[in-house]
């Protein structure tokens, strides 16, 4: 079993992981995962209503860049802003869509609501 090592900062696509081979530890982690899965609330891309004027052109560049797997550092550099500004735009997307992870944000981005909002912004 491989587990991401969040103690080490993510450098591009090279996220370090720990390989766990002890059978009892693997069983424990699987049990914890199963318990969390049973308690999880399904999320299928629904989003609260978002107003188009709350979303800036730079925010669109951030979410598009994330979808295309462009590093946030590169998005910041291309926009001439700090990385913390890009992190703020990213957080605004989470707040506007109700997503709690980048995967959920990606699901929203290609959902009917996300697609319609992108068309309105273009």
Protein backbone atom coordinates (compact mmCIF):
# COMPACT_ATOMS: atom_id res chain seq x y z
CA UNK A 1 0.00 0.00 0.00
CA UNK A 2 1.26 3.49 -0.83
CA UNK A 3 0.35 6.55 1.23
CA UNK A 4 1.19 10.11 0.17
CA UNK A 5 3.71 11.84 2.42
CA UNK A 6 2.15 15.24 3.10
CA UNK A 7 5.08 16.26 5.33
CA UNK A 8 7.16 16.89 2.21
CA UNK A 9 6.03 19.83 0.03
CA UNK A 10 4.60 18.94 -3.37
CA UNK A 11 7.13 19.73 -6.10
CA UNK A 12 5.35 19.76 -9.44
CA UNK A 13 4.03 16.21 -9.98
CA UNK A 14 6.61 14.51 -7.76
CA UNK A 15 4.64 13.85 -4.57
CA UNK A 16 6.61 11.47 -2.35
CA UNK A 17 4.83 8.44 -0.92
CA UNK A 18 5.45 5.89 1.79
CA UNK A 19 5.25 2.18 0.98
CA UNK A 20 3.57 0.30 3.81
CA UNK A 21 4.09 -3.46 3.79
CA UNK A 22 3.25 -4.56 7.34
CA UNK A 23 0.03 -6.64 7.01
CA UNK A 24 -1.50 -5.45 10.29
CA UNK A 25 -0.87 -1.78 9.47
CA UNK A 26 -2.29 -2.23 5.96
CA UNK A 27 -5.38 -3.91 7.46
CA UNK A 28 -5.80 -1.05 9.95
CA UNK A 29 -5.52 1.61 7.24
CA UNK A 30 -8.02 -0.27 5.06
CA UNK A 31 -10.45 -0.49 7.98
CA UNK A 32 -10.11 3.26 8.67
CA UNK A 33 -10.68 3.99 4.98
CA UNK A 34 -13.78 1.78 4.88
CA UNK A 35 -15.22 3.47 7.98
CA UNK A 36 -14.63 6.94 6.52
CA UNK A 37 -16.15 5.85 3.20
CA UNK A 38 -19.30 4.62 4.96
CA UNK A 39 -19.67 7.97 6.74
CA UNK A 40 -18.93 10.08 3.67
CA UNK A 41 -21.56 12.33 2.17
CA UNK A 42 -21.97 11.78 -1.59
CA UNK A 43 -21.03 14.80 -3.72
CA UNK A 44 -21.86 14.72 -7.42
CA UNK A 45 -20.80 18.14 -8.56
CA UNK A 46 -23.74 20.18 -7.35
CA UNK A 47 -22.77 23.70 -6.50
CA UNK A 48 -24.43 26.62 -4.83
CA UNK A 49 -25.54 29.41 -7.12
CA UNK A 50 -22.59 31.56 -8.14
CA UNK A 51 -22.80 35.03 -9.54
CA UNK A 52 -20.72 35.61 -12.66
CA UNK A 53 -19.47 38.98 -11.47
CA UNK A 54 -17.80 37.35 -8.43
CA UNK A 55 -15.49 35.42 -10.74
CA UNK A 56 -12.59 37.40 -12.15
CA UNK A 57 -10.74 36.58 -15.38
CA UNK A 58 -7.72 35.57 -13.29
CA UNK A 59 -9.89 33.11 -11.33
CA UNK A 60 -10.86 31.52 -14.65
CA UNK A 61 -7.17 31.23 -15.53
CA UNK A 62 -6.53 29.57 -12.17
CA UNK A 63 -9.22 26.91 -12.54
CA UNK A 64 -8.36 26.29 -16.19
CA UNK A 65 -4.69 25.95 -15.27
CA UNK A 66 -5.55 23.54 -12.46
CA UNK A 67 -7.63 21.48 -14.90
CA UNK A 68 -4.65 21.38 -17.27
CA UNK A 69 -2.34 20.44 -14.35
CA UNK A 70 -0.30 23.64 -14.62
CA UNK A 71 1.60 24.19 -11.35
CA UNK A 72 0.17 27.03 -9.25
CA UNK A 73 3.63 28.66 -9.23
CA UNK A 74 3.49 28.87 -13.01
CA UNK A 75 -0.03 30.31 -12.96
CA UNK A 76 1.16 32.96 -10.48
CA UNK A 77 4.18 33.80 -12.62
CA UNK A 78 2.10 34.00 -15.82
CA UNK A 79 -0.34 36.40 -14.10
CA UNK A 80 2.36 38.51 -12.44
CA UNK A 81 1.00 37.88 -8.94
CA UNK A 82 2.19 36.07 -5.85
CA UNK A 83 1.54 32.42 -5.19
CA UNK A 84 -0.57 33.40 -2.17
CA UNK A 85 -2.86 35.41 -4.47
CA UNK A 86 -3.37 32.32 -6.63
CA UNK A 87 -4.05 30.24 -3.51
CA UNK A 88 -6.67 32.85 -2.57
CA UNK A 89 -8.33 32.53 -5.99
CA UNK A 90 -8.27 28.75 -5.63
CA UNK A 91 -9.92 29.02 -2.21
CA UNK A 92 -12.61 31.29 -3.69
CA UNK A 93 -13.43 28.51 -6.18
CA UNK A 94 -13.83 26.06 -3.31
CA UNK A 95 -16.11 28.50 -1.50
CA UNK A 96 -18.20 29.27 -4.59
CA UNK A 97 -18.67 25.68 -5.69
CA UNK A 98 -18.89 23.92 -2.34
CA UNK A 99 -16.06 21.59 -3.41
CA UNK A 100 -13.83 20.24 -0.65
CA UNK A 101 -11.03 18.81 -2.81
CA UNK A 102 -9.37 19.46 -6.15
CA UNK A 103 -11.07 16.36 -7.51
CA UNK A 104 -14.49 17.74 -6.58
CA UNK A 105 -13.54 21.08 -8.09
CA UNK A 106 -12.59 19.27 -11.32
CA UNK A 107 -15.93 17.43 -11.31
CA UNK A 108 -17.70 20.77 -10.93
CA UNK A 109 -15.58 22.37 -13.69
CA UNK A 110 -16.80 19.83 -16.26
CA UNK A 111 -20.33 19.59 -14.84
CA UNK A 112 -23.34 21.22 -16.46
CA UNK A 113 -23.15 24.17 -14.03
CA UNK A 114 -19.44 24.72 -14.61
CA UNK A 115 -19.72 24.41 -18.36
CA UNK A 116 -22.62 26.88 -18.51
CA UNK A 117 -20.78 29.38 -16.32
CA UNK A 118 -17.64 29.07 -18.50
CA UNK A 119 -19.71 29.78 -21.61
CA UNK A 120 -21.19 32.89 -19.98
CA UNK A 121 -17.69 34.10 -19.06
CA UNK A 122 -16.31 33.73 -22.59
